[in-house]
Amino acid sequence: MISYFIVFFVLAGFNLARLAWGDMKELLADQRISSLMMGVVLCLYFLEGRIIELLVVGFVALFGLQQLKKYKDLFGLAEGDLTIMSWVVPGLWFLGWTILTEFLFLYIIGMIIMRYLIVKQEGFPASVPIAIAFCLTWILELLH
């Protein structure tokens, strides 16, 4: 039987790559892909019987993302990027809090690098550090 880890990371990896590519070209994240991945995360929790946990994690993630939205200039997160994070955070929590912690650490490092070392006049798509941090998290977990 295929593990949930492989299913989630393969689907999410390809979809994050598509979202980051589209975001770099048009500075717009595709909402359809995020809706698909929200459904994948919902199915994972449903298959494991952890729906209550999803509601709690989703609520906390939504609250945290709404707080980040207030500091849009500091973090550079647009509405599409927040939508991406709304399925990445619960999806990684499903796999374990250590995986989520690794991702958030790598994401923060990526945002610092993008923000302060790579200067762009028009801003930068925040989906790129999300995708990079996600792939690095995948690699770290495969090395364990």
N, C-alpha and C. Protein backbone atom coordinates (compact mmCIF):
# COMPACT_ATOMS: atom_id res chain seq x y z
N MET A 1 0.83 -1.18 0.00
CA MET A 1 0.00 0.00 0.00
C MET A 1 0.88 1.25 0.00
N ILE A 2 0.52 2.22 -0.79
CA ILE A 2 1.27 3.46 -0.88
C ILE A 2 1.03 4.29 0.38
N SER A 3 2.10 4.82 0.94
CA SER A 3 1.95 5.60 2.17
C SER A 3 1.38 6.98 1.86
N TYR A 4 0.75 7.54 2.88
CA TYR A 4 0.19 8.89 2.73
C TYR A 4 1.30 9.91 2.48
N PHE A 5 2.47 9.66 3.05
CA PHE A 5 3.61 10.56 2.89
C PHE A 5 3.95 10.73 1.41
N ILE A 6 4.08 9.63 0.71
CA ILE A 6 4.44 9.69 -0.71
C ILE A 6 3.34 10.35 -1.52
N VAL A 7 2.10 9.96 -1.28
CA VAL A 7 0.97 10.52 -2.03
C VAL A 7 0.92 12.04 -1.85
N PHE A 8 0.98 12.50 -0.60
CA PHE A 8 0.87 13.93 -0.35
C PHE A 8 2.04 14.69 -0.96
N PHE A 9 3.27 14.21 -0.73
CA PHE A 9 4.43 14.95 -1.21
C PHE A 9 4.52 14.96 -2.73
N VAL A 10 4.15 13.89 -3.39
CA VAL A 10 4.21 13.88 -4.86
C VAL A 10 3.16 14.83 -5.43
N LEU A 11 1.92 14.70 -4.98
CA LEU A 11 0.87 15.60 -5.48
C LEU A 11 1.16 17.05 -5.16
N ALA A 12 1.54 17.30 -3.92
CA ALA A 12 1.81 18.68 -3.50
C ALA A 12 3.05 19.23 -4.19
N GLY A 13 4.07 18.42 -4.36
CA GLY A 13 5.29 18.89 -5.02
C GLY A 13 5.04 19.36 -6.44
N PHE A 14 4.33 18.54 -7.21
CA PHE A 14 4.03 18.93 -8.59
C PHE A 14 3.12 20.16 -8.63
N ASN A 15 2.14 20.19 -7.77
CA ASN A 15 1.22 21.33 -7.76
C ASN A 15 1.90 22.61 -7.28
N LEU A 16 2.79 22.51 -6.30
CA LEU A 16 3.52 23.69 -5.86
C LEU A 16 4.46 24.19 -6.96
N ALA A 17 5.07 23.27 -7.70
CA ALA A 17 5.93 23.68 -8.81
C ALA A 17 5.11 24.44 -9.86
N ARG A 18 3.93 23.93 -10.18
CA ARG A 18 3.06 24.62 -11.15
C ARG A 18 2.62 25.99 -10.63
N LEU A 19 2.27 26.05 -9.34
CA LEU A 19 1.84 27.32 -8.76
C LEU A 19 2.98 28.33 -8.74
N ALA A 20 4.19 27.88 -8.36
CA ALA A 20 5.33 28.79 -8.32
C ALA A 20 5.69 29.29 -9.72
N TRP A 21 5.63 28.40 -10.69
CA TRP A 21 5.93 28.80 -12.07
C TRP A 21 4.91 29.82 -12.58
N GLY A 22 3.64 29.55 -12.35
CA GLY A 22 2.60 30.48 -12.77
C GLY A 22 2.68 31.80 -12.02
N ASP A 23 3.06 31.73 -10.75
CA ASP A 23 3.18 32.94 -9.95
C ASP A 23 4.36 33.80 -10.43
N MET A 24 5.45 33.17 -10.85
CA MET A 24 6.58 33.92 -11.37
C MET A 24 6.25 34.59 -12.71
N LYS A 25 5.46 33.89 -13.52
CA LYS A 25 5.12 34.44 -14.83
C LYS A 25 4.08 35.55 -14.75
N GLU A 26 3.04 35.34 -13.96
CA GLU A 26 1.89 36.24 -13.96
C GLU A 26 1.63 36.93 -12.63
N LEU A 27 2.41 36.60 -11.58
CA LEU A 27 2.17 37.06 -10.22
C LEU A 27 0.74 36.78 -9.78
N LEU A 28 0.28 35.57 -10.13
CA LEU A 28 -1.06 35.14 -9.77
C LEU A 28 -1.05 33.63 -9.54
N ALA A 29 -1.49 33.19 -8.36
CA ALA A 29 -1.54 31.76 -8.04
C ALA A 29 -2.90 31.21 -8.45
N ASP A 30 -2.89 30.06 -9.10
CA ASP A 30 -4.11 29.42 -9.59
C ASP A 30 -4.91 28.85 -8.42
N GLN A 31 -6.14 29.30 -8.25
CA GLN A 31 -6.98 28.86 -7.14
C GLN A 31 -7.48 27.43 -7.32
N ARG A 32 -7.59 26.97 -8.58
CA ARG A 32 -8.11 25.62 -8.82
C ARG A 32 -7.18 24.56 -8.24
N ILE A 33 -5.88 24.76 -8.38
CA ILE A 33 -4.91 23.79 -7.86
C ILE A 33 -4.99 23.76 -6.33
N SER A 34 -5.14 24.92 -5.72
CA SER A 34 -5.26 24.96 -4.26
C SER A 34 -6.53 24.28 -3.79
N SER A 35 -7.61 24.43 -4.53
CA SER A 35 -8.85 23.75 -4.16
C SER A 35 -8.69 22.23 -4.26
N LEU A 36 -8.00 21.77 -5.29
CA LEU A 36 -7.73 20.35 -5.45
C LEU A 36 -6.92 19.83 -4.27
N MET A 37 -5.89 20.56 -3.88
CA MET A 37 -5.03 20.10 -2.80
C MET A 37 -5.74 20.19 -1.44
N MET A 38 -6.64 21.14 -1.28
CA MET A 38 -7.43 21.17 -0.05
C MET A 38 -8.30 19.92 0.03
N GLY A 39 -8.81 19.46 -1.09
CA GLY A 39 -9.57 18.22 -1.14
C GLY A 39 -8.71 17.02 -0.81
N VAL A 40 -7.47 17.01 -1.30
CA VAL A 40 -6.55 15.91 -0.99
C VAL A 40 -6.27 15.87 0.52
N VAL A 41 -6.02 17.02 1.11
CA VAL A 41 -5.76 17.08 2.56
C VAL A 41 -6.99 16.61 3.33
N LEU A 42 -8.16 17.05 2.91
CA LEU A 42 -9.41 16.62 3.56
C LEU A 42 -9.56 15.11 3.47
N CYS A 43 -9.27 14.53 2.32
CA CYS A 43 -9.36 13.07 2.16
C CYS A 43 -8.38 12.34 3.07
N LEU A 44 -7.17 12.86 3.19
CA LEU A 44 -6.19 12.22 4.07
C LEU A 44 -6.69 12.17 5.51
N TYR A 45 -7.18 13.29 6.00
CA TYR A 45 -7.71 13.33 7.37
C TYR A 45 -8.93 12.44 7.51
N PHE A 46 -9.80 12.44 6.50
CA PHE A 46 -11.01 11.63 6.55
C PHE A 46 -10.68 10.14 6.58
N LEU A 47 -9.73 9.71 5.74
CA LEU A 47 -9.36 8.30 5.70
C LEU A 47 -8.74 7.81 7.01
N GLU A 48 -8.11 8.70 7.73
CA GLU A 48 -7.52 8.33 9.01
C GLU A 48 -8.46 8.58 10.18
N GLY A 49 -9.64 9.16 9.93
CA GLY A 49 -10.60 9.44 11.00
C GLY A 49 -10.15 10.57 11.90
N ARG A 50 -9.47 11.54 11.33
CA ARG A 50 -8.93 12.65 12.12
C ARG A 50 -9.58 13.98 11.71
N ILE A 51 -10.87 13.97 11.44
CA ILE A 51 -11.57 15.17 10.97
C ILE A 51 -11.57 16.26 12.04
N ILE A 52 -11.78 15.91 13.30
CA ILE A 52 -11.78 16.91 14.38
C ILE A 52 -10.42 17.59 14.44
N GLU A 53 -9.37 16.81 14.30
CA GLU A 53 -8.02 17.36 14.30
C GLU A 53 -7.83 18.33 13.14
N LEU A 54 -8.36 17.99 11.97
CA LEU A 54 -8.28 18.88 10.81
C LEU A 54 -8.98 20.21 11.10
N LEU A 55 -10.14 20.14 11.74
CA LEU A 55 -10.86 21.37 12.06
C LEU A 55 -10.05 22.26 13.00
N VAL A 56 -9.43 21.66 14.00
CA VAL A 56 -8.62 22.43 14.95
C VAL A 56 -7.39 23.01 14.24
N VAL A 57 -6.66 22.18 13.51
CA VAL A 57 -5.46 22.64 12.81
C VAL A 57 -5.83 23.68 11.76
N GLY A 58 -6.92 23.45 11.04
CA GLY A 58 -7.36 24.41 10.04
C GLY A 58 -7.73 25.75 10.64
N PHE A 59 -8.41 25.72 11.78
CA PHE A 59 -8.78 26.96 12.44
C PHE A 59 -7.55 27.72 12.91
N VAL A 60 -6.61 27.02 13.54
CA VAL A 60 -5.39 27.67 14.02
C VAL A 60 -4.58 28.22 12.84
N ALA A 61 -4.46 27.43 11.77
CA ALA A 61 -3.72 27.89 10.59
C ALA A 61 -4.40 29.10 9.96
N LEU A 62 -5.72 29.06 9.87
CA LEU A 62 -6.46 30.18 9.29
C LEU A 62 -6.26 31.45 10.13
N PHE A 63 -6.31 31.31 11.44
CA PHE A 63 -6.10 32.46 12.33
C PHE A 63 -4.69 33.01 12.15
N GLY A 64 -3.70 32.12 12.11
CA GLY A 64 -2.31 32.56 11.92
C GLY A 64 -2.09 33.22 10.59
N LEU A 65 -2.69 32.67 9.53
CA LEU A 65 -2.54 33.26 8.20
C LEU A 65 -3.23 34.62 8.11
N GLN A 66 -4.35 34.77 8.81
CA GLN A 66 -5.03 36.07 8.83
C GLN A 66 -4.16 37.11 9.53
N GLN A 67 -3.42 36.69 10.56
CA GLN A 67 -2.51 37.61 11.24
C GLN A 67 -1.35 38.00 10.31
N LEU A 68 -0.84 37.04 9.53
CA LEU A 68 0.22 37.35 8.57
C LEU A 68 -0.26 38.31 7.49
N LYS A 69 -1.53 38.21 7.15
CA LYS A 69 -2.11 39.07 6.12
C LYS A 69 -2.04 40.54 6.53
N LYS A 70 -2.08 40.81 7.83
CA LYS A 70 -1.98 42.18 8.32
C LYS A 70 -0.61 42.78 8.04
N TYR A 71 0.40 41.93 7.99
CA TYR A 71 1.78 42.38 7.76
C TYR A 71 2.23 42.03 6.34
N LYS A 72 1.38 42.28 5.39
CA LYS A 72 1.63 41.92 3.98
C LYS A 72 2.94 42.52 3.47
N ASP A 73 3.24 43.75 3.85
CA ASP A 73 4.46 44.40 3.37
C ASP A 73 5.72 43.74 3.92
N LEU A 74 5.65 43.25 5.15
CA LEU A 74 6.81 42.61 5.77
C LEU A 74 7.06 41.22 5.21
N PHE A 75 6.00 40.42 5.05
CA PHE A 75 6.16 39.04 4.61
C PHE A 75 5.99 38.85 3.11
N GLY A 76 5.34 39.78 2.44
CA GLY A 76 5.15 39.69 1.00
C GLY A 76 4.15 38.63 0.57
N LEU A 77 3.26 38.23 1.47
CA LEU A 77 2.29 37.19 1.14
C LEU A 77 1.03 37.82 0.54
N ALA A 78 0.68 37.38 -0.64
CA ALA A 78 -0.56 37.83 -1.28
C ALA A 78 -1.66 36.81 -0.96
N GLU A 79 -2.85 37.07 -1.45
CA GLU A 79 -4.00 36.21 -1.18
C GLU A 79 -3.76 34.77 -1.69
N GLY A 80 -3.19 34.63 -2.87
CA GLY A 80 -2.92 33.30 -3.42
C GLY A 80 -1.91 32.53 -2.59
N ASP A 81 -0.90 33.23 -2.08
CA ASP A 81 0.10 32.58 -1.24
C ASP A 81 -0.50 32.10 0.07
N LEU A 82 -1.41 32.88 0.63
CA LEU A 82 -2.09 32.45 1.84
C LEU A 82 -2.98 31.24 1.58
N THR A 83 -3.57 31.17 0.39
CA THR A 83 -4.37 30.01 0.02
C THR A 83 -3.49 28.76 -0.07
N ILE A 84 -2.30 28.93 -0.62
CA ILE A 84 -1.36 27.81 -0.71
C ILE A 84 -0.99 27.33 0.69
N MET A 85 -0.67 28.27 1.57
CA MET A 85 -0.28 27.90 2.94
C MET A 85 -1.45 27.26 3.70
N SER A 86 -2.69 27.57 3.30
CA SER A 86 -3.84 27.02 4.00
C SER A 86 -4.00 25.52 3.78
N TRP A 87 -3.40 24.95 2.74
CA TRP A 87 -3.43 23.50 2.59
C TRP A 87 -2.07 22.86 2.88
N VAL A 88 -1.00 23.62 2.76
CA VAL A 88 0.32 23.07 3.06
C VAL A 88 0.46 22.82 4.56
N VAL A 89 0.06 23.78 5.38
CA VAL A 89 0.22 23.64 6.84
C VAL A 89 -0.58 22.45 7.38
N PRO A 90 -1.90 22.32 7.10
CA PRO A 90 -2.61 21.13 7.60
C PRO A 90 -2.09 19.82 6.99
N GLY A 91 -1.65 19.87 5.74
CA GLY A 91 -1.12 18.66 5.12
C GLY A 91 0.15 18.19 5.78
N LEU A 92 1.03 19.10 6.11
CA LEU A 92 2.26 18.72 6.79
C LEU A 92 2.00 18.34 8.24
N TRP A 93 1.02 18.98 8.88
CA TRP A 93 0.66 18.59 10.25
C TRP A 93 0.15 17.15 10.26
N PHE A 94 -0.58 16.75 9.21
CA PHE A 94 -1.09 15.39 9.11
C PHE A 94 0.06 14.39 9.16
N LEU A 95 1.17 14.74 8.53
CA LEU A 95 2.32 13.84 8.47
C LEU A 95 3.16 13.88 9.74
N GLY A 96 3.01 14.93 10.53
CA GLY A 96 3.74 15.02 11.80
C GLY A 96 4.19 16.43 12.08
N TRP A 97 4.23 16.77 13.35
CA TRP A 97 4.60 18.14 13.71
C TRP A 97 6.05 18.44 13.41
N THR A 98 6.92 17.42 13.41
CA THR A 98 8.34 17.67 13.09
C THR A 98 8.50 18.07 11.63
N ILE A 99 7.70 17.46 10.76
CA ILE A 99 7.77 17.81 9.34
C ILE A 99 7.29 19.24 9.14
N LEU A 100 6.21 19.61 9.82
CA LEU A 100 5.71 20.98 9.74
C LEU A 100 6.73 21.96 10.28
N THR A 101 7.39 21.62 11.37
CA THR A 101 8.41 22.50 11.96
C THR A 101 9.58 22.69 11.00
N GLU A 102 10.03 21.59 10.37
CA GLU A 102 11.11 21.69 9.38
C GLU A 102 10.70 22.62 8.24
N PHE A 103 9.49 22.44 7.74
CA PHE A 103 9.01 23.27 6.64
C PHE A 103 8.98 24.75 7.03
N LEU A 104 8.40 25.05 8.20
CA LEU A 104 8.29 26.45 8.62
C LEU A 104 9.66 27.08 8.81
N PHE A 105 10.61 26.34 9.37
CA PHE A 105 11.96 26.84 9.54
C PHE A 105 12.59 27.14 8.17
N LEU A 106 12.49 26.19 7.25
CA LEU A 106 13.06 26.39 5.91
C LEU A 106 12.35 27.51 5.16
N TYR A 107 11.06 27.63 5.37
CA TYR A 107 10.29 28.69 4.72
C TYR A 107 10.73 30.07 5.22
N ILE A 108 10.92 30.20 6.52
CA ILE A 108 11.35 31.48 7.08
C ILE A 108 12.74 31.83 6.56
N ILE A 109 13.64 30.87 6.51
CA ILE A 109 14.98 31.11 5.96
C ILE A 109 14.86 31.54 4.50
N GLY A 110 14.01 30.86 3.73
CA GLY A 110 13.81 31.22 2.33
C GLY A 110 13.25 32.62 2.16
N MET A 111 12.30 33.00 3.02
CA MET A 111 11.73 34.34 2.95
C MET A 111 12.77 35.40 3.28
N ILE A 112 13.63 35.12 4.26
CA ILE A 112 14.68 36.08 4.61
C ILE A 112 15.64 36.25 3.44
N ILE A 113 16.03 35.14 2.83
CA ILE A 113 16.93 35.22 1.68
C ILE A 113 16.28 35.98 0.53
N MET A 114 15.03 35.64 0.22
CA MET A 114 14.34 36.32 -0.88
C MET A 114 14.14 37.80 -0.58
N ARG A 115 13.86 38.12 0.65
CA ARG A 115 13.53 39.50 1.03
C ARG A 115 14.76 40.41 1.07
N TYR A 116 15.84 39.91 1.67
CA TYR A 116 16.97 40.77 1.94
C TYR A 116 18.18 40.57 1.02
N LEU A 117 18.32 39.42 0.42
CA LEU A 117 19.47 39.19 -0.43
C LEU A 117 19.15 39.33 -1.92
N ILE A 118 17.94 38.98 -2.29
CA ILE A 118 17.54 39.09 -3.69
C ILE A 118 16.56 40.25 -3.79
N VAL A 119 17.01 41.37 -4.28
CA VAL A 119 16.20 42.57 -4.32
C VAL A 119 15.54 42.69 -5.69
N LYS A 120 14.23 42.79 -5.69
CA LYS A 120 13.47 43.00 -6.92
C LYS A 120 12.62 44.24 -6.72
N GLN A 121 12.52 45.06 -7.74
CA GLN A 121 11.76 46.28 -7.60
C GLN A 121 10.26 46.04 -7.53
N GLU A 122 9.77 45.04 -8.20
CA GLU A 122 8.33 44.80 -8.25
C GLU A 122 7.87 43.79 -7.19
N GLY A 123 8.73 43.42 -6.30
CA GLY A 123 8.38 42.40 -5.34
C GLY A 123 8.73 41.02 -5.88
N PHE A 124 8.43 40.00 -5.12
CA PHE A 124 8.73 38.64 -5.55
C PHE A 124 7.56 37.75 -5.18
N PRO A 125 7.37 36.70 -5.97
CA PRO A 125 6.28 35.77 -5.64
C PRO A 125 6.65 34.92 -4.42
N ALA A 126 5.84 34.99 -3.40
CA ALA A 126 6.11 34.26 -2.16
C ALA A 126 5.88 32.76 -2.32
N SER A 127 5.27 32.33 -3.42
CA SER A 127 5.08 30.90 -3.63
C SER A 127 6.40 30.21 -3.93
N VAL A 128 7.40 30.95 -4.37
CA VAL A 128 8.71 30.35 -4.66
C VAL A 128 9.37 29.83 -3.38
N PRO A 129 9.50 30.64 -2.30
CA PRO A 129 10.08 30.05 -1.09
C PRO A 129 9.21 28.95 -0.47
N ILE A 130 7.89 29.03 -0.68
CA ILE A 130 7.03 27.94 -0.20
C ILE A 130 7.40 26.65 -0.91
N ALA A 131 7.53 26.70 -2.24
CA ALA A 131 7.88 25.51 -3.02
C ALA A 131 9.27 25.00 -2.68
N ILE A 132 10.22 25.91 -2.53
CA ILE A 132 11.59 25.50 -2.20
C ILE A 132 11.64 24.86 -0.82
N ALA A 133 10.99 25.48 0.17
CA ALA A 133 10.98 24.92 1.52
C ALA A 133 10.28 23.56 1.54
N PHE A 134 9.22 23.43 0.76
CA PHE A 134 8.50 22.15 0.69
C PHE A 134 9.40 21.06 0.12
N CYS A 135 10.11 21.37 -0.96
CA CYS A 135 11.01 20.38 -1.57
C CYS A 135 12.17 20.02 -0.65
N LEU A 136 12.73 21.02 0.04
CA LEU A 136 13.80 20.73 0.98
C LEU A 136 13.30 19.89 2.16
N THR A 137 12.08 20.13 2.59
CA THR A 137 11.49 19.31 3.66
C THR A 137 11.34 17.87 3.19
N TRP A 138 10.87 17.70 1.96
CA TRP A 138 10.72 16.37 1.37
C TRP A 138 12.08 15.66 1.35
N ILE A 139 13.12 16.35 0.91
CA ILE A 139 14.44 15.76 0.84
C ILE A 139 14.94 15.38 2.24
N LEU A 140 14.76 16.28 3.21
CA LEU A 140 15.18 15.97 4.58
C LEU A 140 14.48 14.74 5.13
N GLU A 141 13.19 14.63 4.86
CA GLU A 141 12.43 13.48 5.36
C GLU A 141 12.83 12.19 4.66
N LEU A 142 13.19 12.27 3.39
CA LEU A 142 13.63 11.07 2.68
C LEU A 142 15.00 10.61 3.17
N LEU A 143 15.81 11.55 3.65
CA LEU A 143 17.13 11.20 4.15
C LEU A 143 17.08 10.55 5.53
N HIS A 144 15.98 10.70 6.25
CA HIS A 144 15.86 10.07 7.59
C HIS A 144 15.83 8.59 7.48
